[in-house]
Amino acid sequence: MSTAHVNGIDINYELDGDGPETVVLINGLADELETWAYQMPALLDAGYRVLRFDNRGIGRSEKPAGPYSSQLMADDAKALVDSLGLRDFHLMGVSMGGMIAQSYALSYPGDLRSLTLACTYAAPGPFCSRMFSMWADTARVMGVPMVMRDVTLWAFTLDFFRERESELIEFETAMRFMDQPVHAYLAQLAVIQEHDATVSLPALSAVPTLVLAGEEDILIPTRLSRELADLIPGSTFVTTPGGHGCIWEHPDDFNSAFVGFLLENGQH
């Protein structure tokens, strides 16, 4: 792993592969760059160079006082890719990362060959807003690991709980021992609470865009992802098996849809 000092903070990142095209991946709330472990083999096998990084507030990146915004974190990503000399790349963001990716695409569309927004929304609306308010209250009193144990219940489908207990225990253990400070969690949480690109998204018509969603997502309901796609002229909307954690629960289906879209919009 490497570190770059950009946009006033140290960002931890990893750049893998040596293909002619680059994919930049942006993590969700409280997720480190290892989030993408289930996607990396498929991307590298398809011949891509892949940039992953810890957002501000998580992992080995700095955790300055918040609140943060999707625009601030998009500017972090911009500063990082500029420092690495990356242009004309494919951008993917999942959940909070999808909100950051929206802000990036709206601010720096000329950098992008394509845009993929996974398990995310244009704005939280009344349902998600209430959920996130409860997460904030819980984190302040009981700590981040307790919140993330609750998130596990929302992220996976009933079949996952019934049939894949060993994997479930791994995720639960990881959540139980999370070491993200409360102030950094709340700073990141502000991103998903305040993000609203509803009015701006029609401007993305020139960027090839895929909106991906788990067909059983109850954390960011699939309907919100559908509404996001409807706001972006010419975008493609695809569902895959699973819920909010479909990138882990059904990675083969997710990767097939994602890589297929990249191939359609690349130089291969």
C-alpha atoms as a PDB file:
ATOM      1  CA  MET A   1       0.000   0.000   0.000  1.00  0.00           C
ATOM      2  CA  SER A   2       1.059   3.587  -0.622  1.00  0.00           C
ATOM      3  CA  THR A   3       0.235   7.030   0.741  1.00  0.00           C
ATOM      4  CA  ALA A   4      -0.343  10.306  -1.089  1.00  0.00           C
ATOM      5  CA  HIS A   5      -0.714  13.695   0.579  1.00  0.00           C
ATOM      6  CA  VAL A   6      -3.564  15.277  -1.374  1.00  0.00           C
ATOM      7  CA  ASN A   7      -6.301  17.807  -0.655  1.00  0.00           C
ATOM      8  CA  GLY A   8      -4.717  18.503   2.715  1.00  0.00           C
ATOM      9  CA  ILE A   9      -4.694  14.919   4.066  1.00  0.00           C
ATOM     10  CA  ASP A  10      -2.839  11.628   3.696  1.00  0.00           C
ATOM     11  CA  ILE A  11      -4.777   9.101   1.611  1.00  0.00           C
ATOM     12  CA  ASN A  12      -3.912   5.403   1.726  1.00  0.00           C
ATOM     13  CA  TYR A  13      -4.270   3.704  -1.655  1.00  0.00           C
ATOM     14  CA  GLU A  14      -3.402   0.615  -3.650  1.00  0.00           C
ATOM     15  CA  LEU A  15      -2.881   0.481  -7.418  1.00  0.00           C
ATOM     16  CA  ASP A  16      -2.918  -3.017  -8.921  1.00  0.00           C
ATOM     17  CA  GLY A  17      -2.550  -4.373 -12.438  1.00  0.00           C
ATOM     18  CA  ASP A  18      -0.957  -2.891 -15.509  1.00  0.00           C
ATOM     19  CA  GLY A  19      -3.739  -2.903 -18.089  1.00  0.00           C
ATOM     20  CA  PRO A  20      -4.312  -0.092 -20.598  1.00  0.00           C
ATOM     21  CA  GLU A  21      -7.490   1.068 -18.849  1.00  0.00           C
ATOM     22  CA  THR A  22      -7.995   2.016 -15.210  1.00  0.00           C
ATOM     23  CA  VAL A  23     -10.948   1.412 -12.911  1.00  0.00           C
ATOM     24  CA  VAL A  24     -11.233   3.643  -9.837  1.00  0.00           C
ATOM     25  CA  LEU A  25     -13.274   2.200  -6.963  1.00  0.00           C
ATOM     26  CA  ILE A  26     -14.830   4.281  -4.156  1.00  0.00           C
ATOM     27  CA  ASN A  27     -15.889   2.576  -0.923  1.00  0.00           C
ATOM     28  CA  GLY A  28     -19.052   2.866   1.106  1.00  0.00           C
ATOM     29  CA  LEU A  29     -19.558   4.173   4.632  1.00  0.00           C
ATOM     30  CA  ALA A  30     -17.078   2.761   7.153  1.00  0.00           C
ATOM     31  CA  ASP A  31     -15.508   0.512   4.491  1.00  0.00           C
ATOM     32  CA  GLU A  32     -11.780   0.230   3.884  1.00  0.00           C
ATOM     33  CA  LEU A  33     -10.259  -0.464   0.478  1.00  0.00           C
ATOM     34  CA  GLU A  34     -10.374  -4.206   1.216  1.00  0.00           C
ATOM     35  CA  THR A  35     -14.121  -3.886   0.598  1.00  0.00           C
ATOM     36  CA  TRP A  36     -13.384  -4.731  -3.031  1.00  0.00           C
ATOM     37  CA  ALA A  37     -11.649  -8.075  -2.400  1.00  0.00           C
ATOM     38  CA  TYR A  38     -14.456  -9.972  -4.149  1.00  0.00           C
ATOM     39  CA  GLN A  39     -14.207  -7.746  -7.247  1.00  0.00           C
ATOM     40  CA  MET A  40     -10.440  -7.575  -7.682  1.00  0.00           C
ATOM     41  CA  PRO A  41      -9.877 -10.983  -9.332  1.00  0.00           C
ATOM     42  CA  ALA A  42     -12.568 -10.321 -11.944  1.00  0.00           C
ATOM     43  CA  LEU A  43     -11.223  -6.849 -12.747  1.00  0.00           C
ATOM     44  CA  LEU A  44      -7.595  -7.947 -12.949  1.00  0.00           C
ATOM     45  CA  ASP A  45      -8.476 -11.025 -15.013  1.00  0.00           C
ATOM     46  CA  ALA A  46     -10.320  -8.731 -17.434  1.00  0.00           C
ATOM     47  CA  GLY A  47      -7.099  -6.765 -17.917  1.00  0.00           C
ATOM     48  CA  TYR A  48      -7.763  -3.598 -15.911  1.00  0.00           C
ATOM     49  CA  ARG A  49      -5.516  -1.560 -13.696  1.00  0.00           C
ATOM     50  CA  VAL A  50      -7.433  -0.888 -10.466  1.00  0.00           C
ATOM     51  CA  LEU A  51      -7.137   1.962  -7.970  1.00  0.00           C
ATOM     52  CA  ARG A  52      -8.605   1.477  -4.497  1.00  0.00           C
ATOM     53  CA  PHE A  53      -8.194   3.825  -1.544  1.00  0.00           C
ATOM     54  CA  ASP A  54      -9.357   4.451   1.998  1.00  0.00           C
ATOM     55  CA  ASN A  55     -11.690   7.438   2.062  1.00  0.00           C
ATOM     56  CA  ARG A  56     -10.922  10.149   4.594  1.00  0.00           C
ATOM     57  CA  GLY A  57     -12.141   8.942   7.962  1.00  0.00           C
ATOM     58  CA  ILE A  58     -11.372   5.219   7.583  1.00  0.00           C
ATOM     59  CA  GLY A  59      -8.533   2.725   7.402  1.00  0.00           C
ATOM     60  CA  ARG A  60      -5.020   4.109   7.040  1.00  0.00           C
ATOM     61  CA  SER A  61      -6.151   7.448   5.629  1.00  0.00           C
ATOM     62  CA  GLU A  62      -6.345  10.508   7.867  1.00  0.00           C
ATOM     63  CA  LYS A  63      -9.472  11.082   9.937  1.00  0.00           C
ATOM     64  CA  PRO A  64      -9.857  14.847  10.308  1.00  0.00           C
ATOM     65  CA  ALA A  65     -12.821  16.446  12.009  1.00  0.00           C
ATOM     66  CA  GLY A  66     -16.035  16.504  10.001  1.00  0.00           C
ATOM     67  CA  PRO A  67     -18.637  16.700   8.824  1.00  0.00           C
ATOM     68  CA  TYR A  68     -17.607  15.533   5.348  1.00  0.00           C
ATOM     69  CA  SER A  69     -19.593  15.894   2.133  1.00  0.00           C
ATOM     70  CA  SER A  70     -19.811  13.933  -1.096  1.00  0.00           C
ATOM     71  CA  GLN A  71     -18.194  16.920  -2.853  1.00  0.00           C
ATOM     72  CA  LEU A  72     -15.283  17.063  -0.398  1.00  0.00           C
ATOM     73  CA  MET A  73     -14.628  13.355  -0.829  1.00  0.00           C
ATOM     74  CA  ALA A  74     -14.974  13.639  -4.613  1.00  0.00           C
ATOM     75  CA  ASP A  75     -12.302  16.332  -4.442  1.00  0.00           C
ATOM     76  CA  ASP A  76     -10.135  13.916  -2.432  1.00  0.00           C
ATOM     77  CA  ALA A  77     -10.511  11.353  -5.208  1.00  0.00           C
ATOM     78  CA  LYS A  78      -9.765  13.960  -7.869  1.00  0.00           C
ATOM     79  CA  ALA A  79      -6.593  15.063  -6.092  1.00  0.00           C
ATOM     80  CA  LEU A  80      -5.480  11.452  -5.737  1.00  0.00           C
ATOM     81  CA  VAL A  81      -6.017  10.469  -9.382  1.00  0.00           C
ATOM     82  CA  ASP A  82      -4.319  13.687 -10.513  1.00  0.00           C
ATOM     83  CA  SER A  83      -1.318  12.920  -8.315  1.00  0.00           C
ATOM     84  CA  LEU A  84      -1.099   9.504  -9.999  1.00  0.00           C
ATOM     85  CA  GLY A  85      -1.556  10.919 -13.501  1.00  0.00           C
ATOM     86  CA  LEU A  86      -4.799   9.017 -14.162  1.00  0.00           C
ATOM     87  CA  ARG A  87      -7.319  10.254 -16.727  1.00  0.00           C
ATOM     88  CA  ASP A  88      -9.983   8.717 -18.953  1.00  0.00           C
ATOM     89  CA  PHE A  89     -10.830   6.042 -16.379  1.00  0.00           C
ATOM     90  CA  HIS A  90     -13.901   4.059 -15.350  1.00  0.00           C
ATOM     91  CA  LEU A  91     -15.340   5.205 -12.011  1.00  0.00           C
ATOM     92  CA  MET A  92     -17.335   2.924  -9.685  1.00  0.00           C
ATOM     93  CA  GLY A  93     -18.815   3.843  -6.328  1.00  0.00           C
ATOM     94  CA  VAL A  94     -20.913   1.666  -4.035  1.00  0.00           C
ATOM     95  CA  SER A  95     -23.412   3.042  -1.468  1.00  0.00           C
ATOM     96  CA  MET A  96     -21.759   6.186  -0.028  1.00  0.00           C
ATOM     97  CA  GLY A  97     -19.120   5.713  -2.703  1.00  0.00           C
ATOM     98  CA  GLY A  98     -21.878   6.002  -5.295  1.00  0.00           C
ATOM     99  CA  MET A  99     -22.801   9.406  -3.888  1.00  0.00           C
ATOM    100  CA  ILE A 100     -19.165  10.500  -4.032  1.00  0.00           C
ATOM    101  CA  ALA A 101     -18.964   9.177  -7.600  1.00  0.00           C
ATOM    102  CA  GLN A 102     -22.020  11.243  -8.566  1.00  0.00           C
ATOM    103  CA  SER A 103     -20.329  14.381  -7.247  1.00  0.00           C
ATOM    104  CA  TYR A 104     -17.124  13.452  -9.061  1.00  0.00           C
ATOM    105  CA  ALA A 105     -18.908  12.903 -12.364  1.00  0.00           C
ATOM    106  CA  LEU A 106     -20.804  16.182 -12.062  1.00  0.00           C
ATOM    107  CA  SER A 107     -17.633  18.141 -11.237  1.00  0.00           C
ATOM    108  CA  TYR A 108     -15.098  16.361 -13.462  1.00  0.00           C
ATOM    109  CA  PRO A 109     -16.970  14.587 -16.277  1.00  0.00           C
ATOM    110  CA  GLY A 110     -14.033  14.922 -18.657  1.00  0.00           C
ATOM    111  CA  ASP A 111     -12.018  12.468 -16.563  1.00  0.00           C
ATOM    112  CA  LEU A 112     -14.448   9.611 -17.065  1.00  0.00           C
ATOM    113  CA  ARG A 113     -14.785   6.868 -19.649  1.00  0.00           C
ATOM    114  CA  SER A 114     -17.773   5.447 -17.738  1.00  0.00           C
ATOM    115  CA  LEU A 115     -19.604   5.709 -14.425  1.00  0.00           C
ATOM    116  CA  THR A 116     -21.099   2.894 -12.329  1.00  0.00           C
ATOM    117  CA  LEU A 117     -23.281   3.683  -9.320  1.00  0.00           C
ATOM    118  CA  ALA A 118     -24.061   0.671  -7.129  1.00  0.00           C
ATOM    119  CA  CYS A 119     -26.580   0.335  -4.297  1.00  0.00           C
ATOM    120  CA  THR A 120     -26.997   4.078  -3.949  1.00  0.00           C
ATOM    121  CA  TYR A 121     -29.424   6.967  -4.373  1.00  0.00           C
ATOM    122  CA  ALA A 122     -29.755  10.566  -5.539  1.00  0.00           C
ATOM    123  CA  ALA A 123     -31.080  11.676  -2.126  1.00  0.00           C
ATOM    124  CA  PRO A 124     -31.919   9.783   1.091  1.00  0.00           C
ATOM    125  CA  GLY A 125     -35.582  10.688   1.433  1.00  0.00           C
ATOM    126  CA  PRO A 126     -37.651  10.171   4.590  1.00  0.00           C
ATOM    127  CA  PHE A 127     -36.996   6.431   5.114  1.00  0.00           C
ATOM    128  CA  CYS A 128     -33.196   6.408   4.878  1.00  0.00           C
ATOM    129  CA  SER A 129     -32.950   9.726   6.729  1.00  0.00           C
ATOM    130  CA  ARG A 130     -34.646   8.225   9.767  1.00  0.00           C
ATOM    131  CA  MET A 131     -32.428   5.142   9.668  1.00  0.00           C
ATOM    132  CA  PHE A 132     -29.250   7.231   9.515  1.00  0.00           C
ATOM    133  CA  SER A 133     -30.400   9.438  12.373  1.00  0.00           C
ATOM    134  CA  MET A 134     -30.758   6.306  14.496  1.00  0.00           C
ATOM    135  CA  TRP A 135     -27.269   5.155  13.474  1.00  0.00           C
ATOM    136  CA  ALA A 136     -25.835   8.486  14.600  1.00  0.00           C
ATOM    137  CA  ASP A 137     -27.585   8.304  17.963  1.00  0.00           C
ATOM    138  CA  THR A 138     -26.453   4.689  18.456  1.00  0.00           C
ATOM    139  CA  ALA A 139     -22.832   5.427  17.548  1.00  0.00           C
ATOM    140  CA  ARG A 140     -22.614   8.269  20.055  1.00  0.00           C
ATOM    141  CA  VAL A 141     -23.872   6.091  22.906  1.00  0.00           C
ATOM    142  CA  MET A 142     -22.812   2.529  22.040  1.00  0.00           C
ATOM    143  CA  GLY A 143     -19.954   2.957  19.565  1.00  0.00           C
ATOM    144  CA  VAL A 144     -19.389   2.211  15.891  1.00  0.00           C
ATOM    145  CA  PRO A 145     -19.135  -1.606  16.165  1.00  0.00           C
ATOM    146  CA  MET A 146     -22.673  -1.806  17.537  1.00  0.00           C
ATOM    147  CA  VAL A 147     -23.993   0.224  14.596  1.00  0.00           C
ATOM    148  CA  MET A 148     -22.142  -1.973  12.122  1.00  0.00           C
ATOM    149  CA  ARG A 149     -23.519  -5.145  13.709  1.00  0.00           C
ATOM    150  CA  ASP A 150     -26.960  -3.683  13.057  1.00  0.00           C
ATOM    151  CA  VAL A 151     -25.993  -2.830   9.464  1.00  0.00           C
ATOM    152  CA  THR A 152     -25.153  -6.498   8.897  1.00  0.00           C
ATOM    153  CA  LEU A 153     -28.818  -7.341   9.477  1.00  0.00           C
ATOM    154  CA  TRP A 154     -29.829  -4.925   6.722  1.00  0.00           C
ATOM    155  CA  ALA A 155     -27.069  -5.816   4.250  1.00  0.00           C
ATOM    156  CA  PHE A 156     -27.759  -9.486   3.553  1.00  0.00           C
ATOM    157  CA  THR A 157     -30.737 -11.529   2.440  1.00  0.00           C
ATOM    158  CA  LEU A 158     -32.679 -14.123   4.391  1.00  0.00           C
ATOM    159  CA  ASP A 159     -31.047 -16.885   2.345  1.00  0.00           C
ATOM    160  CA  PHE A 160     -27.601 -15.670   3.384  1.00  0.00           C
ATOM    161  CA  PHE A 161     -28.538 -15.906   7.069  1.00  0.00           C
ATOM    162  CA  ARG A 162     -30.066 -19.346   6.578  1.00  0.00           C
ATOM    163  CA  GLU A 163     -27.471 -20.975   4.361  1.00  0.00           C
ATOM    164  CA  ARG A 164     -24.068 -19.290   4.780  1.00  0.00           C
ATOM    165  CA  GLU A 165     -23.469 -19.080   8.494  1.00  0.00           C
ATOM    166  CA  SER A 166     -19.677 -19.377   8.336  1.00  0.00           C
ATOM    167  CA  GLU A 167     -19.450 -16.342   6.049  1.00  0.00           C
ATOM    168  CA  LEU A 168     -21.965 -14.491   8.185  1.00  0.00           C
ATOM    169  CA  ILE A 169     -19.853 -15.072  11.278  1.00  0.00           C
ATOM    170  CA  GLU A 170     -16.822 -13.637   9.454  1.00  0.00           C
ATOM    171  CA  PHE A 171     -18.711 -10.447   8.630  1.00  0.00           C
ATOM    172  CA  GLU A 172     -20.147 -10.168  12.136  1.00  0.00           C
ATOM    173  CA  THR A 173     -16.687 -10.598  13.652  1.00  0.00           C
ATOM    174  CA  ALA A 174     -15.238  -7.913  11.403  1.00  0.00           C
ATOM    175  CA  MET A 175     -18.012  -5.544  12.433  1.00  0.00           C
ATOM    176  CA  ARG A 176     -17.577  -6.320  16.116  1.00  0.00           C
ATOM    177  CA  PHE A 177     -13.901  -5.362  16.028  1.00  0.00           C
ATOM    178  CA  MET A 178     -14.110  -2.246  13.850  1.00  0.00           C
ATOM    179  CA  ASP A 179     -11.759   0.482  15.046  1.00  0.00           C
ATOM    180  CA  GLN A 180     -13.199   3.530  13.257  1.00  0.00           C
ATOM    181  CA  PRO A 181     -13.415   6.391  15.777  1.00  0.00           C
ATOM    182  CA  VAL A 182     -16.888   7.738  16.474  1.00  0.00           C
ATOM    183  CA  HIS A 183     -15.977  11.216  15.226  1.00  0.00           C
ATOM    184  CA  ALA A 184     -14.822   9.801  11.878  1.00  0.00           C
ATOM    185  CA  TYR A 185     -17.891   7.600  11.517  1.00  0.00           C
ATOM    186  CA  LEU A 186     -20.200  10.554  12.163  1.00  0.00           C
ATOM    187  CA  ALA A 187     -18.189  12.678   9.728  1.00  0.00           C
ATOM    188  CA  GLN A 188     -18.705  10.065   6.995  1.00  0.00           C
ATOM    189  CA  LEU A 189     -22.333   9.516   7.981  1.00  0.00           C
ATOM    190  CA  ALA A 190     -22.977  13.187   7.218  1.00  0.00           C
ATOM    191  CA  VAL A 191     -22.180  12.415   3.557  1.00  0.00           C
ATOM    192  CA  ILE A 192     -25.091  10.030   3.134  1.00  0.00           C
ATOM    193  CA  GLN A 193     -27.398  12.169   5.265  1.00  0.00           C
ATOM    194  CA  GLU A 194     -26.838  15.368   3.277  1.00  0.00           C
ATOM    195  CA  HIS A 195     -26.168  14.153  -0.277  1.00  0.00           C
ATOM    196  CA  ASP A 196     -28.774  15.369  -2.766  1.00  0.00           C
ATOM    197  CA  ALA A 197     -27.910  15.426  -6.481  1.00  0.00           C
ATOM    198  CA  THR A 198     -31.491  15.180  -7.703  1.00  0.00           C
ATOM    199  CA  VAL A 199     -31.513  18.462  -9.606  1.00  0.00           C
ATOM    200  CA  SER A 200     -28.027  18.044 -11.078  1.00  0.00           C
ATOM    201  CA  LEU A 201     -28.045  14.450 -12.326  1.00  0.00           C
ATOM    202  CA  PRO A 202     -29.645  15.118 -15.751  1.00  0.00           C
ATOM    203  CA  ALA A 203     -26.337  16.808 -16.666  1.00  0.00           C
ATOM    204  CA  LEU A 204     -24.641  13.392 -16.741  1.00  0.00           C
ATOM    205  CA  SER A 205     -26.224  12.432 -20.063  1.00  0.00           C
ATOM    206  CA  ALA A 206     -22.823  12.478 -21.815  1.00  0.00           C
ATOM    207  CA  VAL A 207     -21.210   9.972 -19.425  1.00  0.00           C
ATOM    208  CA  PRO A 208     -22.048   6.283 -20.053  1.00  0.00           C
ATOM    209  CA  THR A 209     -23.663   5.284 -16.770  1.00  0.00           C
ATOM    210  CA  LEU A 210     -24.693   1.991 -15.193  1.00  0.00           C
ATOM    211  CA  VAL A 211     -26.840   1.939 -12.056  1.00  0.00           C
ATOM    212  CA  LEU A 212     -26.561  -1.425 -10.286  1.00  0.00           C
ATOM    213  CA  ALA A 213     -28.725  -2.563  -7.379  1.00  0.00           C
ATOM    214  CA  GLY A 214     -29.297  -5.680  -5.343  1.00  0.00           C
ATOM    215  CA  GLU A 215     -32.817  -6.813  -6.153  1.00  0.00           C
ATOM    216  CA  GLU A 216     -33.562  -7.340  -2.426  1.00  0.00           C
ATOM    217  CA  ASP A 217     -31.818  -4.244  -1.044  1.00  0.00           C
ATOM    218  CA  ILE A 218     -33.723  -2.988   1.995  1.00  0.00           C
ATOM    219  CA  LEU A 219     -31.023  -0.655   3.345  1.00  0.00           C
ATOM    220  CA  ILE A 220     -31.007   1.614   0.314  1.00  0.00           C
ATOM    221  CA  PRO A 221     -34.211   0.308  -1.228  1.00  0.00           C
ATOM    222  CA  THR A 222     -33.880  -0.866  -4.817  1.00  0.00           C
ATOM    223  CA  ARG A 223     -36.608   1.570  -5.785  1.00  0.00           C
ATOM    224  CA  LEU A 224     -34.345   4.496  -4.871  1.00  0.00           C
ATOM    225  CA  SER A 225     -31.651   3.169  -7.205  1.00  0.00           C
ATOM    226  CA  ARG A 226     -34.251   2.845  -9.940  1.00  0.00           C
ATOM    227  CA  GLU A 227     -35.260   6.466  -9.372  1.00  0.00           C
ATOM    228  CA  LEU A 228     -31.582   7.472  -9.543  1.00  0.00           C
ATOM    229  CA  ALA A 229     -31.248   5.784 -12.934  1.00  0.00           C
ATOM    230  CA  ASP A 230     -34.367   7.566 -14.155  1.00  0.00           C
ATOM    231  CA  LEU A 231     -32.718  10.924 -13.402  1.00  0.00           C
ATOM    232  CA  ILE A 232     -29.702  10.211 -15.643  1.00  0.00           C
ATOM    233  CA  PRO A 233     -30.620  10.316 -19.346  1.00  0.00           C
ATOM    234  CA  GLY A 234     -29.423   7.249 -21.226  1.00  0.00           C
ATOM    235  CA  SER A 235     -28.307   5.333 -18.138  1.00  0.00           C
ATOM    236  CA  THR A 236     -28.702   1.578 -17.805  1.00  0.00           C
ATOM    237  CA  PHE A 237     -30.371   0.054 -14.745  1.00  0.00           C
ATOM    238  CA  VAL A 238     -29.554  -3.535 -13.772  1.00  0.00           C
ATOM    239  CA  THR A 239     -30.369  -5.593 -10.685  1.00  0.00           C
ATOM    240  CA  THR A 240     -28.378  -8.549  -9.412  1.00  0.00           C
ATOM    241  CA  PRO A 241     -29.275 -11.171  -6.804  1.00  0.00           C
ATOM    242  CA  GLY A 242     -28.827 -10.128  -3.193  1.00  0.00           C
ATOM    243  CA  GLY A 243     -29.362  -7.091  -1.052  1.00  0.00           C
ATOM    244  CA  HIS A 244     -27.225  -4.108  -0.108  1.00  0.00           C
ATOM    245  CA  GLY A 245     -24.248  -6.416   0.324  1.00  0.00           C
ATOM    246  CA  CYS A 246     -24.642  -8.001  -3.106  1.00  0.00           C
ATOM    247  CA  ILE A 247     -20.993  -7.253  -3.911  1.00  0.00           C
ATOM    248  CA  TRP A 248     -20.120  -9.827  -1.226  1.00  0.00           C
ATOM    249  CA  GLU A 249     -23.156 -12.109  -1.204  1.00  0.00           C
ATOM    250  CA  HIS A 250     -23.353 -12.639  -4.979  1.00  0.00           C
ATOM    251  CA  PRO A 251     -20.043 -11.337  -6.352  1.00  0.00           C
ATOM    252  CA  ASP A 252     -20.097 -13.413  -9.551  1.00  0.00           C
ATOM    253  CA  ASP A 253     -23.399 -11.906 -10.678  1.00  0.00           C
ATOM    254  CA  PHE A 254     -22.346  -8.431  -9.627  1.00  0.00           C
ATOM    255  CA  ASN A 255     -18.958  -8.705 -11.319  1.00  0.00           C
ATOM    256  CA  SER A 256     -20.472 -10.064 -14.518  1.00  0.00           C
ATOM    257  CA  ALA A 257     -22.787  -7.070 -14.832  1.00  0.00           C
ATOM    258  CA  PHE A 258     -20.063  -4.587 -13.901  1.00  0.00           C
ATOM    259  CA  VAL A 259     -17.268  -5.951 -16.067  1.00  0.00           C
ATOM    260  CA  GLY A 260     -19.654  -6.454 -18.974  1.00  0.00           C
ATOM    261  CA  PHE A 261     -20.508  -2.751 -18.820  1.00  0.00           C
ATOM    262  CA  LEU A 262     -16.825  -1.791 -18.652  1.00  0.00           C
ATOM    263  CA  LEU A 263     -16.052  -3.870 -21.723  1.00  0.00           C
ATOM    264  CA  GLU A 264     -18.882  -2.225 -23.638  1.00  0.00           C
ATOM    265  CA  ASN A 265     -17.448   1.199 -22.863  1.00  0.00           C
ATOM    266  CA  GLY A 266     -13.725   0.593 -23.230  1.00  0.00           C
ATOM    267  CA  GLN A 267     -10.975   0.078 -25.746  1.00  0.00           C
ATOM    268  CA  HIS A 268     -10.901  -3.721 -25.518  1.00  0.00           C
END
